[in-house]
Amino acid sequence: MKPVQKVLLYTGLLLVLGLVFAMYTRPDFVMTLANQVWGCF
């Protein structure tokens, strides 16, 4: 893997992780997710 590809991969992964963590700061999203998980049981 070339160094440029590795940097782009890590940057993309950090961006995705940042967006996921940002969604958890929204209480309505967390409640919707919890209700969907609870609905599976």
PDB file of N, CA and C in Angstrom:
ATOM      1  N   MET A   1       0.839  -1.175   0.000  1.00  0.00           N
ATOM      2  CA  MET A   1       0.000   0.000   0.000  1.00  0.00           C
ATOM      3  C   MET A   1       0.889   1.244   0.000  1.00  0.00           C
ATOM      4  N   LYS A   2       0.590   2.169  -0.884  1.00  0.00           N
ATOM      5  CA  LYS A   2       1.388   3.385  -0.976  1.00  0.00           C
ATOM      6  C   LYS A   2       1.102   4.301   0.206  1.00  0.00           C
ATOM      7  N   PRO A   3       2.060   5.124   0.596  1.00  0.00           N
ATOM      8  CA  PRO A   3       1.851   6.034   1.727  1.00  0.00           C
ATOM      9  C   PRO A   3       0.676   6.993   1.516  1.00  0.00           C
ATOM     10  N   VAL A   4       0.467   7.436   0.288  1.00  0.00           N
ATOM     11  CA  VAL A   4      -0.640   8.355   0.023  1.00  0.00           C
ATOM     12  C   VAL A   4      -1.977   7.642   0.230  1.00  0.00           C
ATOM     13  N   GLN A   5      -2.071   6.402  -0.207  1.00  0.00           N
ATOM     14  CA  GLN A   5      -3.298   5.632  -0.016  1.00  0.00           C
ATOM     15  C   GLN A   5      -3.571   5.392   1.458  1.00  0.00           C
ATOM     16  N   LYS A   6      -2.510   5.133   2.205  1.00  0.00           N
ATOM     17  CA  LYS A   6      -2.664   4.885   3.636  1.00  0.00           C
ATOM     18  C   LYS A   6      -3.176   6.136   4.355  1.00  0.00           C
ATOM     19  N   VAL A   7      -2.638   7.290   3.988  1.00  0.00           N
ATOM     20  CA  VAL A   7      -3.079   8.551   4.598  1.00  0.00           C
ATOM     21  C   VAL A   7      -4.542   8.815   4.257  1.00  0.00           C
ATOM     22  N   LEU A   8      -4.932   8.583   3.006  1.00  0.00           N
ATOM     23  CA  LEU A   8      -6.325   8.790   2.613  1.00  0.00           C
ATOM     24  C   LEU A   8      -7.261   7.821   3.328  1.00  0.00           C
ATOM     25  N   LEU A   9      -6.832   6.588   3.487  1.00  0.00           N
ATOM     26  CA  LEU A   9      -7.638   5.601   4.195  1.00  0.00           C
ATOM     27  C   LEU A   9      -7.855   6.009   5.649  1.00  0.00           C
ATOM     28  N   TYR A  10      -6.781   6.380   6.334  1.00  0.00           N
ATOM     29  CA  TYR A  10      -6.888   6.786   7.733  1.00  0.00           C
ATOM     30  C   TYR A  10      -7.713   8.053   7.887  1.00  0.00           C
ATOM     31  N   THR A  11      -7.574   8.983   6.961  1.00  0.00           N
ATOM     32  CA  THR A  11      -8.365  10.208   7.011  1.00  0.00           C
ATOM     33  C   THR A  11      -9.847   9.896   6.839  1.00  0.00           C
ATOM     34  N   GLY A  12     -10.172   9.010   5.914  1.00  0.00           N
ATOM     35  CA  GLY A  12     -11.562   8.610   5.713  1.00  0.00           C
ATOM     36  C   GLY A  12     -12.138   7.908   6.931  1.00  0.00           C
ATOM     37  N   LEU A  13     -11.352   7.029   7.528  1.00  0.00           N
ATOM     38  CA  LEU A  13     -11.826   6.326   8.727  1.00  0.00           C
ATOM     39  C   LEU A  13     -12.054   7.290   9.885  1.00  0.00           C
ATOM     40  N   LEU A  14     -11.154   8.245  10.067  1.00  0.00           N
ATOM     41  CA  LEU A  14     -11.334   9.230  11.129  1.00  0.00           C
ATOM     42  C   LEU A  14     -12.559  10.104  10.884  1.00  0.00           C
ATOM     43  N   LEU A  15     -12.828  10.433   9.638  1.00  0.00           N
ATOM     44  CA  LEU A  15     -14.004  11.221   9.307  1.00  0.00           C
ATOM     45  C   LEU A  15     -15.284  10.452   9.635  1.00  0.00           C
ATOM     46  N   VAL A  16     -15.325   9.180   9.269  1.00  0.00           N
ATOM     47  CA  VAL A  16     -16.504   8.360   9.561  1.00  0.00           C
ATOM     48  C   VAL A  16     -16.696   8.217  11.066  1.00  0.00           C
ATOM     49  N   LEU A  17     -15.622   7.955  11.797  1.00  0.00           N
ATOM     50  CA  LEU A  17     -15.735   7.838  13.251  1.00  0.00           C
ATOM     51  C   LEU A  17     -16.197   9.142  13.886  1.00  0.00           C
ATOM     52  N   GLY A  18     -15.687  10.253  13.392  1.00  0.00           N
ATOM     53  CA  GLY A  18     -16.107  11.559  13.908  1.00  0.00           C
ATOM     54  C   GLY A  18     -17.580  11.812  13.673  1.00  0.00           C
ATOM     55  N   LEU A  19     -18.077  11.427  12.498  1.00  0.00           N
ATOM     56  CA  LEU A  19     -19.503  11.610  12.220  1.00  0.00           C
ATOM     57  C   LEU A  19     -20.367  10.716  13.112  1.00  0.00           C
ATOM     58  N   VAL A  20     -19.927   9.501  13.357  1.00  0.00           N
ATOM     59  CA  VAL A  20     -20.685   8.601  14.229  1.00  0.00           C
ATOM     60  C   VAL A  20     -20.733   9.160  15.646  1.00  0.00           C
ATOM     61  N   PHE A  21     -19.599   9.612  16.158  1.00  0.00           N
ATOM     62  CA  PHE A  21     -19.589  10.187  17.506  1.00  0.00           C
ATOM     63  C   PHE A  21     -20.407  11.465  17.573  1.00  0.00           C
ATOM     64  N   ALA A  22     -20.439  12.255  16.502  1.00  0.00           N
ATOM     65  CA  ALA A  22     -21.232  13.480  16.482  1.00  0.00           C
ATOM     66  C   ALA A  22     -22.726  13.159  16.527  1.00  0.00           C
ATOM     67  N   MET A  23     -23.135  12.052  15.902  1.00  0.00           N
ATOM     68  CA  MET A  23     -24.551  11.680  15.937  1.00  0.00           C
ATOM     69  C   MET A  23     -25.002  11.327  17.351  1.00  0.00           C
ATOM     70  N   TYR A  24     -24.104  10.802  18.157  1.00  0.00           N
ATOM     71  CA  TYR A  24     -24.472  10.433  19.523  1.00  0.00           C
ATOM     72  C   TYR A  24     -24.694  11.639  20.419  1.00  0.00           C
ATOM     73  N   THR A  25     -24.338  12.837  19.972  1.00  0.00           N
ATOM     74  CA  THR A  25     -24.612  14.037  20.766  1.00  0.00           C
ATOM     75  C   THR A  25     -26.048  14.514  20.575  1.00  0.00           C
ATOM     76  N   ARG A  26     -26.775  13.893  19.647  1.00  0.00           N
ATOM     77  CA  ARG A  26     -28.173  14.248  19.398  1.00  0.00           C
ATOM     78  C   ARG A  26     -29.069  13.244  20.121  1.00  0.00           C
ATOM     79  N   PRO A  27     -29.777  13.702  21.158  1.00  0.00           N
ATOM     80  CA  PRO A  27     -30.607  12.779  21.951  1.00  0.00           C
ATOM     81  C   PRO A  27     -31.700  12.086  21.133  1.00  0.00           C
ATOM     82  N   ASP A  28     -32.277  12.777  20.152  1.00  0.00           N
ATOM     83  CA  ASP A  28     -33.335  12.137  19.371  1.00  0.00           C
ATOM     84  C   ASP A  28     -32.791  10.967  18.545  1.00  0.00           C
ATOM     85  N   PHE A  29     -31.575  11.076  18.064  1.00  0.00           N
ATOM     86  CA  PHE A  29     -30.962   9.970  17.325  1.00  0.00           C
ATOM     87  C   PHE A  29     -30.717   8.783  18.249  1.00  0.00           C
ATOM     88  N   VAL A  30     -30.222   9.057  19.442  1.00  0.00           N
ATOM     89  CA  VAL A  30     -29.924   7.974  20.389  1.00  0.00           C
ATOM     90  C   VAL A  30     -31.209   7.253  20.784  1.00  0.00           C
ATOM     91  N   MET A  31     -32.292   8.010  21.016  1.00  0.00           N
ATOM     92  CA  MET A  31     -33.562   7.378  21.377  1.00  0.00           C
ATOM     93  C   MET A  31     -34.109   6.543  20.223  1.00  0.00           C
ATOM     94  N   THR A  32     -34.007   7.046  18.998  1.00  0.00           N
ATOM     95  CA  THR A  32     -34.477   6.286  17.839  1.00  0.00           C
ATOM     96  C   THR A  32     -33.688   4.993  17.692  1.00  0.00           C
ATOM     97  N   LEU A  33     -32.378   5.086  17.851  1.00  0.00           N
ATOM     98  CA  LEU A  33     -31.540   3.886  17.752  1.00  0.00           C
ATOM     99  C   LEU A  33     -31.883   2.886  18.842  1.00  0.00           C
ATOM    100  N   ALA A  34     -32.086   3.366  20.057  1.00  0.00           N
ATOM    101  CA  ALA A  34     -32.429   2.468  21.173  1.00  0.00           C
ATOM    102  C   ALA A  34     -33.781   1.793  20.934  1.00  0.00           C
ATOM    103  N   ASN A  35     -34.736   2.544  20.406  1.00  0.00           N
ATOM    104  CA  ASN A  35     -36.053   1.950  20.121  1.00  0.00           C
ATOM    105  C   ASN A  35     -35.968   0.908  19.020  1.00  0.00           C
ATOM    106  N   GLN A  36     -35.140   1.131  18.020  1.00  0.00           N
ATOM    107  CA  GLN A  36     -34.986   0.153  16.962  1.00  0.00           C
ATOM    108  C   GLN A  36     -34.313  -1.115  17.466  1.00  0.00           C
ATOM    109  N   VAL A  37     -33.306  -0.967  18.318  1.00  0.00           N
ATOM    110  CA  VAL A  37     -32.634  -2.149  18.878  1.00  0.00           C
ATOM    111  C   VAL A  37     -33.595  -2.908  19.788  1.00  0.00           C
ATOM    112  N   TRP A  38     -34.369  -2.182  20.605  1.00  0.00           N
ATOM    113  CA  TRP A  38     -35.317  -2.816  21.520  1.00  0.00           C
ATOM    114  C   TRP A  38     -36.421  -3.531  20.736  1.00  0.00           C
ATOM    115  N   GLY A  39     -36.783  -2.988  19.558  1.00  0.00           N
ATOM    116  CA  GLY A  39     -37.815  -3.609  18.738  1.00  0.00           C
ATOM    117  C   GLY A  39     -37.412  -4.972  18.178  1.00  0.00           C
ATOM    118  N   CYS A  40     -36.128  -5.248  18.145  1.00  0.00           N
ATOM    119  CA  CYS A  40     -35.662  -6.545  17.633  1.00  0.00           C
ATOM    120  C   CYS A  40     -35.957  -7.683  18.601  1.00  0.00           C
ATOM    121  N   PHE A  41     -36.207  -7.374  19.872  1.00  0.00           N
ATOM    122  CA  PHE A  41     -36.412  -8.417  20.877  1.00  0.00           C
ATOM    123  C   PHE A  41     -37.845  -8.540  21.160  1.00  0.00           C
TER     124      PHE A  41
END
